[in-house]
N, C-alpha and C. Protein backbone atom coordinates (compact mmCIF):
# COMPACT_ATOMS: atom_id res chain seq x y z
N MET A 1 -80.97 9.50 26.57
CA MET A 1 -80.24 8.46 25.88
C MET A 1 -79.73 9.06 24.50
N ASN A 2 -80.50 10.02 23.98
CA ASN A 2 -80.12 10.54 22.67
C ASN A 2 -78.73 11.25 22.64
N PRO A 3 -78.44 12.07 23.63
CA PRO A 3 -77.08 12.71 23.63
C PRO A 3 -75.96 11.70 23.66
N LEU A 4 -76.14 10.58 24.38
CA LEU A 4 -75.11 9.55 24.42
C LEU A 4 -74.92 8.94 23.06
N SER A 5 -76.02 8.55 22.35
CA SER A 5 -75.90 7.86 21.09
C SER A 5 -75.36 8.91 19.98
N THR A 6 -75.88 10.17 20.05
CA THR A 6 -75.46 11.10 19.00
C THR A 6 -74.07 11.62 19.25
N TYR A 7 -73.76 12.10 20.40
CA TYR A 7 -72.48 12.81 20.69
C TYR A 7 -71.39 11.97 21.14
N LEU A 8 -71.60 10.87 21.73
CA LEU A 8 -70.54 10.01 22.25
C LEU A 8 -70.26 8.85 21.41
N LEU A 9 -71.33 8.04 21.09
CA LEU A 9 -71.08 6.78 20.37
C LEU A 9 -70.99 6.96 18.84
N GLN A 10 -71.29 8.10 18.24
CA GLN A 10 -71.33 8.35 16.84
C GLN A 10 -70.34 9.36 16.51
N SER A 11 -69.57 9.95 17.43
CA SER A 11 -68.70 11.04 17.15
C SER A 11 -67.44 10.52 16.36
N VAL A 12 -66.76 11.53 15.67
CA VAL A 12 -65.55 11.10 14.92
C VAL A 12 -64.46 10.84 15.89
N ALA A 13 -64.36 11.51 17.00
CA ALA A 13 -63.28 11.22 18.03
C ALA A 13 -63.86 10.38 19.12
N LEU A 14 -64.31 9.19 18.72
CA LEU A 14 -65.01 8.28 19.66
C LEU A 14 -64.08 7.83 20.81
N ASP A 15 -64.42 8.00 21.98
CA ASP A 15 -63.61 7.46 23.15
C ASP A 15 -64.46 6.42 23.87
N VAL A 16 -64.25 5.21 23.37
CA VAL A 16 -65.13 4.13 23.88
C VAL A 16 -65.09 3.95 25.47
N VAL A 17 -63.96 4.23 25.98
CA VAL A 17 -63.83 3.99 27.49
C VAL A 17 -64.81 5.07 28.12
N LYS A 18 -64.67 6.32 27.73
CA LYS A 18 -65.57 7.35 28.34
C LYS A 18 -67.00 7.04 28.11
N SER A 19 -67.33 6.58 26.87
CA SER A 19 -68.69 6.28 26.52
C SER A 19 -69.18 5.18 27.44
N SER A 20 -68.29 4.11 27.66
CA SER A 20 -68.68 3.03 28.52
C SER A 20 -69.04 3.50 29.90
N GLU A 21 -68.14 4.41 30.38
CA GLU A 21 -68.39 4.93 31.82
C GLU A 21 -69.71 5.69 31.85
N HIS A 22 -70.03 6.47 30.79
CA HIS A 22 -71.21 7.16 30.78
C HIS A 22 -72.48 6.24 30.68
N VAL A 23 -72.30 5.21 29.91
CA VAL A 23 -73.40 4.17 29.83
C VAL A 23 -73.65 3.53 31.19
N LYS A 24 -72.58 3.26 31.96
CA LYS A 24 -72.73 2.61 33.25
C LYS A 24 -73.43 3.60 34.23
N ARG A 25 -73.19 4.85 34.00
CA ARG A 25 -73.96 5.90 34.91
C ARG A 25 -75.52 5.92 34.57
N ILE A 26 -75.63 5.80 33.25
CA ILE A 26 -77.06 5.72 32.72
C ILE A 26 -77.81 4.49 33.23
N LEU A 27 -77.00 3.39 33.21
CA LEU A 27 -77.63 2.05 33.61
C LEU A 27 -77.90 2.13 35.16
N LEU A 28 -77.05 2.82 35.94
CA LEU A 28 -77.36 2.94 37.32
C LEU A 28 -78.58 3.84 37.60
N LEU A 29 -78.77 4.90 36.78
CA LEU A 29 -79.97 5.72 36.80
C LEU A 29 -81.26 4.90 36.49
N ILE A 30 -81.14 4.09 35.50
CA ILE A 30 -82.34 3.25 35.07
C ILE A 30 -82.65 2.24 36.18
N LYS A 31 -81.57 1.67 36.71
CA LYS A 31 -81.77 0.61 37.82
C LYS A 31 -82.45 1.29 39.03
N ASN A 32 -82.15 2.59 39.27
CA ASN A 32 -82.70 3.30 40.37
C ASN A 32 -84.23 3.54 40.18
N HIS A 33 -84.60 3.62 38.93
CA HIS A 33 -86.07 3.83 38.59
C HIS A 33 -86.82 2.52 38.78
N ARG A 34 -86.16 1.42 38.69
CA ARG A 34 -86.87 0.12 38.72
C ARG A 34 -87.69 -0.07 39.99
N PRO A 35 -87.16 0.35 41.26
CA PRO A 35 -87.96 0.11 42.51
C PRO A 35 -89.19 1.14 42.51
N ASN A 36 -89.10 2.23 41.81
CA ASN A 36 -90.16 3.25 41.94
C ASN A 36 -91.04 3.26 40.62
N LEU A 37 -91.45 2.08 40.22
CA LEU A 37 -92.20 1.92 39.01
C LEU A 37 -93.55 2.61 39.01
N GLY A 38 -94.16 2.69 40.20
CA GLY A 38 -95.44 3.42 40.28
C GLY A 38 -95.33 4.88 39.83
N LYS A 39 -94.34 5.48 40.33
CA LYS A 39 -94.15 6.92 40.02
C LYS A 39 -93.76 7.04 38.48
N VAL A 40 -92.86 6.24 38.04
CA VAL A 40 -92.41 6.25 36.62
C VAL A 40 -93.54 5.98 35.68
N THR A 41 -94.33 4.96 35.99
CA THR A 41 -95.50 4.61 35.12
C THR A 41 -96.45 5.73 35.15
N ASP A 42 -96.76 6.38 36.24
CA ASP A 42 -97.71 7.53 36.28
C ASP A 42 -97.21 8.72 35.40
N GLU A 43 -95.91 8.96 35.37
CA GLU A 43 -95.40 9.93 34.53
C GLU A 43 -95.50 9.61 33.09
N ILE A 44 -95.21 8.39 32.76
CA ILE A 44 -95.30 7.95 31.36
C ILE A 44 -96.73 8.00 30.90
N ILE A 45 -97.68 7.58 31.65
CA ILE A 45 -99.10 7.59 31.33
C ILE A 45 -99.57 8.97 31.15
N LYS A 46 -99.09 9.88 32.01
CA LYS A 46 -99.53 11.25 31.92
C LYS A 46 -99.06 11.87 30.55
N GLU A 47 -97.89 11.66 30.22
CA GLU A 47 -97.29 12.09 28.91
C GLU A 47 -98.01 11.36 27.70
N ALA A 48 -98.16 10.10 27.85
CA ALA A 48 -98.82 9.32 26.84
C ALA A 48 -100.27 9.85 26.57
N THR A 49 -100.97 10.18 27.69
CA THR A 49 -102.30 10.70 27.59
C THR A 49 -102.42 12.01 26.94
N ALA A 50 -101.37 12.88 27.22
CA ALA A 50 -101.30 14.20 26.54
C ALA A 50 -101.18 14.06 25.07
N VAL A 51 -100.26 13.14 24.61
CA VAL A 51 -100.09 12.87 23.22
C VAL A 51 -101.32 12.26 22.61
N ALA A 52 -101.93 11.31 23.29
CA ALA A 52 -103.10 10.57 22.78
C ALA A 52 -104.29 11.55 22.58
N GLU A 53 -104.42 12.49 23.45
CA GLU A 53 -105.51 13.53 23.34
C GLU A 53 -105.24 14.32 22.15
N LYS A 54 -103.99 14.72 21.76
CA LYS A 54 -103.69 15.47 20.50
C LYS A 54 -104.16 14.75 19.26
N VAL A 55 -103.89 13.38 19.36
CA VAL A 55 -104.16 12.59 18.19
C VAL A 55 -105.62 12.00 18.14
N GLY A 56 -106.27 12.07 19.30
CA GLY A 56 -107.70 11.56 19.42
C GLY A 56 -107.83 10.11 19.77
N LEU A 57 -106.81 9.65 20.56
CA LEU A 57 -106.82 8.25 21.00
C LEU A 57 -106.79 8.11 22.48
N GLU A 58 -107.28 9.03 23.22
CA GLU A 58 -107.10 8.96 24.70
C GLU A 58 -107.80 7.81 25.36
N GLU A 59 -108.93 7.20 24.69
CA GLU A 59 -109.62 6.16 25.23
C GLU A 59 -108.68 4.89 25.35
N HIS A 60 -107.71 4.81 24.44
CA HIS A 60 -106.81 3.59 24.50
C HIS A 60 -105.79 3.63 25.67
N ILE A 61 -105.45 4.84 26.11
CA ILE A 61 -104.49 4.91 27.24
C ILE A 61 -105.30 4.75 28.58
N SER A 62 -106.49 5.40 28.68
CA SER A 62 -107.23 5.35 29.91
C SER A 62 -107.96 4.12 30.22
N SER A 63 -107.92 3.11 29.26
CA SER A 63 -108.61 1.84 29.51
C SER A 63 -107.55 0.72 29.38
N MET A 64 -107.93 -0.49 29.72
CA MET A 64 -107.07 -1.60 29.58
C MET A 64 -107.83 -2.59 28.71
N PRO A 65 -106.99 -3.37 27.97
CA PRO A 65 -107.50 -4.39 27.12
C PRO A 65 -108.29 -5.42 27.95
N ARG A 66 -109.18 -6.18 27.28
CA ARG A 66 -109.99 -7.19 27.95
C ARG A 66 -109.08 -8.22 28.50
N ILE A 67 -109.33 -8.66 29.75
CA ILE A 67 -108.59 -9.77 30.30
C ILE A 67 -109.36 -11.03 30.27
N THR A 68 -108.78 -12.08 29.79
CA THR A 68 -109.51 -13.38 29.66
C THR A 68 -108.73 -14.44 30.40
N GLY A 69 -109.44 -15.56 30.56
CA GLY A 69 -108.80 -16.70 31.37
C GLY A 69 -107.72 -17.31 30.62
N LYS A 70 -107.73 -17.41 29.25
CA LYS A 70 -106.65 -17.97 28.40
C LYS A 70 -106.42 -17.00 27.28
N GLN A 71 -105.18 -16.57 27.16
CA GLN A 71 -104.86 -15.67 26.09
C GLN A 71 -103.71 -16.24 25.33
N ARG A 72 -103.68 -16.16 24.01
CA ARG A 72 -102.57 -16.68 23.27
C ARG A 72 -101.73 -15.71 22.45
N HIS A 73 -102.36 -14.55 22.02
CA HIS A 73 -101.66 -13.73 21.05
C HIS A 73 -101.25 -12.36 21.58
N ARG A 74 -101.52 -12.04 22.84
CA ARG A 74 -100.98 -10.76 23.41
C ARG A 74 -100.80 -10.93 24.93
N SER A 75 -100.30 -9.97 25.56
CA SER A 75 -100.07 -9.93 27.02
C SER A 75 -101.45 -10.09 27.75
N ASN A 76 -101.48 -10.73 28.77
CA ASN A 76 -102.72 -10.88 29.52
C ASN A 76 -102.39 -10.73 30.97
N HIS A 77 -102.00 -9.52 31.42
CA HIS A 77 -101.62 -9.28 32.77
C HIS A 77 -102.74 -8.92 33.59
N PRO A 78 -103.14 -9.72 34.62
CA PRO A 78 -104.19 -9.24 35.47
C PRO A 78 -103.84 -8.04 36.33
N ALA A 79 -104.67 -7.01 36.27
CA ALA A 79 -104.41 -5.78 36.94
C ALA A 79 -105.79 -5.16 37.43
N GLU A 80 -105.71 -4.30 38.47
CA GLU A 80 -106.91 -3.63 39.03
C GLU A 80 -107.22 -2.37 38.26
N SER A 81 -106.20 -1.77 37.72
CA SER A 81 -106.44 -0.41 37.05
C SER A 81 -105.56 -0.34 35.78
N PRO A 82 -105.92 0.65 34.89
CA PRO A 82 -105.14 0.92 33.62
C PRO A 82 -103.60 1.03 34.02
N PRO A 83 -103.27 1.99 34.93
CA PRO A 83 -101.82 2.17 35.25
C PRO A 83 -101.07 0.86 35.61
N GLU A 84 -101.74 0.09 36.42
CA GLU A 84 -101.18 -1.14 36.84
C GLU A 84 -101.05 -2.13 35.68
N TYR A 85 -102.01 -2.16 34.75
CA TYR A 85 -101.84 -2.96 33.54
C TYR A 85 -100.70 -2.53 32.71
N TRP A 86 -100.63 -1.27 32.46
CA TRP A 86 -99.55 -0.79 31.56
C TRP A 86 -98.19 -0.99 32.23
N LYS A 87 -98.15 -0.81 33.52
CA LYS A 87 -96.87 -1.06 34.27
C LYS A 87 -96.39 -2.51 34.11
N ARG A 88 -97.41 -3.41 34.24
CA ARG A 88 -96.96 -4.83 34.15
C ARG A 88 -96.71 -5.30 32.69
N SER A 89 -97.43 -4.77 31.73
CA SER A 89 -97.27 -5.27 30.38
C SER A 89 -96.27 -4.51 29.50
N LEU A 90 -95.94 -3.23 29.93
CA LEU A 90 -95.16 -2.38 29.02
C LEU A 90 -93.89 -1.82 29.77
N VAL A 91 -94.08 -1.21 30.88
CA VAL A 91 -93.00 -0.51 31.56
C VAL A 91 -91.97 -1.52 32.13
N ILE A 92 -92.41 -2.46 32.89
CA ILE A 92 -91.48 -3.45 33.43
C ILE A 92 -90.68 -4.15 32.44
N PRO A 93 -91.32 -4.80 31.38
CA PRO A 93 -90.53 -5.50 30.38
C PRO A 93 -89.56 -4.59 29.61
N TYR A 94 -89.94 -3.33 29.40
CA TYR A 94 -89.08 -2.42 28.62
C TYR A 94 -87.92 -2.04 29.44
N LEU A 95 -88.08 -1.68 30.69
CA LEU A 95 -86.96 -1.33 31.55
C LEU A 95 -86.02 -2.54 31.73
N ASP A 96 -86.52 -3.75 31.92
CA ASP A 96 -85.77 -4.90 32.06
C ASP A 96 -84.97 -5.13 30.78
N SER A 97 -85.53 -4.92 29.58
CA SER A 97 -84.88 -5.13 28.37
C SER A 97 -83.69 -4.12 28.21
N ILE A 98 -83.93 -2.82 28.50
CA ILE A 98 -82.90 -1.88 28.47
C ILE A 98 -81.73 -2.27 29.38
N ILE A 99 -81.97 -2.61 30.67
CA ILE A 99 -81.04 -2.89 31.69
C ILE A 99 -80.20 -4.18 31.14
N THR A 100 -80.83 -5.20 30.68
CA THR A 100 -80.14 -6.36 30.17
C THR A 100 -79.27 -6.08 29.03
N SER A 101 -79.75 -5.27 28.00
CA SER A 101 -79.01 -4.91 26.82
C SER A 101 -77.79 -4.15 27.14
N LEU A 102 -77.92 -3.11 28.03
CA LEU A 102 -76.77 -2.32 28.39
C LEU A 102 -75.68 -3.12 29.19
N GLU A 103 -76.18 -3.99 30.08
CA GLU A 103 -75.35 -4.75 30.89
C GLU A 103 -74.49 -5.69 30.05
N VAL A 104 -75.09 -6.26 28.93
CA VAL A 104 -74.36 -7.17 28.13
C VAL A 104 -73.43 -6.46 27.29
N ARG A 105 -73.85 -5.36 26.56
CA ARG A 105 -72.97 -4.59 25.74
C ARG A 105 -71.83 -3.91 26.43
N PHE A 106 -72.02 -3.37 27.57
CA PHE A 106 -71.01 -2.63 28.30
C PHE A 106 -70.58 -3.34 29.62
N ALA A 107 -70.43 -4.66 29.54
CA ALA A 107 -70.04 -5.41 30.72
C ALA A 107 -68.54 -5.14 30.95
N GLU A 108 -68.23 -5.43 32.28
CA GLU A 108 -66.83 -5.20 32.74
C GLU A 108 -65.82 -5.94 31.90
N GLU A 109 -66.19 -7.19 31.43
CA GLU A 109 -65.23 -7.99 30.66
C GLU A 109 -65.03 -7.44 29.31
N ASN A 110 -65.79 -6.40 28.89
CA ASN A 110 -65.47 -5.68 27.56
C ASN A 110 -64.50 -4.55 27.72
N THR A 111 -64.34 -4.15 28.95
CA THR A 111 -63.44 -2.96 29.13
C THR A 111 -62.03 -3.07 28.57
N PRO A 112 -61.38 -4.28 28.69
CA PRO A 112 -60.01 -4.43 27.99
C PRO A 112 -60.15 -4.18 26.51
N SER A 113 -61.16 -4.64 25.92
CA SER A 113 -61.37 -4.40 24.50
C SER A 113 -61.50 -2.98 24.18
N PHE A 114 -62.25 -2.18 25.05
CA PHE A 114 -62.39 -0.76 24.84
C PHE A 114 -61.10 -0.06 24.95
N VAL A 115 -60.27 -0.48 25.87
CA VAL A 115 -58.93 0.20 26.14
C VAL A 115 -58.08 -0.04 24.95
N LEU A 116 -58.13 -1.21 24.35
CA LEU A 116 -57.41 -1.55 23.16
C LEU A 116 -57.62 -0.63 21.96
N SER A 117 -58.81 -0.03 21.92
CA SER A 117 -59.09 0.92 20.85
C SER A 117 -58.23 2.11 20.88
N LYS A 118 -57.60 2.39 22.03
CA LYS A 118 -56.70 3.58 22.19
C LYS A 118 -55.44 3.29 21.41
N LEU A 119 -55.16 2.12 21.08
CA LEU A 119 -53.89 1.87 20.32
C LEU A 119 -53.98 2.15 18.86
N HIS A 120 -55.17 2.57 18.48
CA HIS A 120 -55.29 2.89 17.04
C HIS A 120 -54.47 4.24 16.81
N PRO A 121 -53.82 4.35 15.66
CA PRO A 121 -52.93 5.43 15.42
C PRO A 121 -53.61 6.82 15.43
N ALA A 122 -54.97 6.86 15.25
CA ALA A 122 -55.59 8.18 15.30
C ALA A 122 -55.64 8.64 16.79
N HIS A 123 -55.58 7.75 17.73
CA HIS A 123 -55.60 8.17 19.10
C HIS A 123 -54.30 8.34 19.71
N MET A 124 -53.16 7.91 19.08
CA MET A 124 -51.86 8.02 19.65
C MET A 124 -51.27 9.42 19.39
């Protein structure tokens, strides 16, 4: 995502139409990860564990918070294992949030507005 935001969306010669097409390809890639959340979660936990070991917090990644019958101030997702817990409480909501945000910001109904930006004298 970084090259998109740095090189396409913040460049001096911004081409919003090209950027929108690129965002749609990224959105498709993220949506393809959604059905394979077990594999994605395992990769994320593996990387997070490596970072946590460097900092000395590996016990927070390899365990899950206490699950109670009634919870008011944090996520309380029932799960059999730590990867399942982190998938339900962190990975799924985060991917859904990214997908929703990109779909709203770069929806098809915004394309005419993006094309209008080409009428700016700098692009003519």
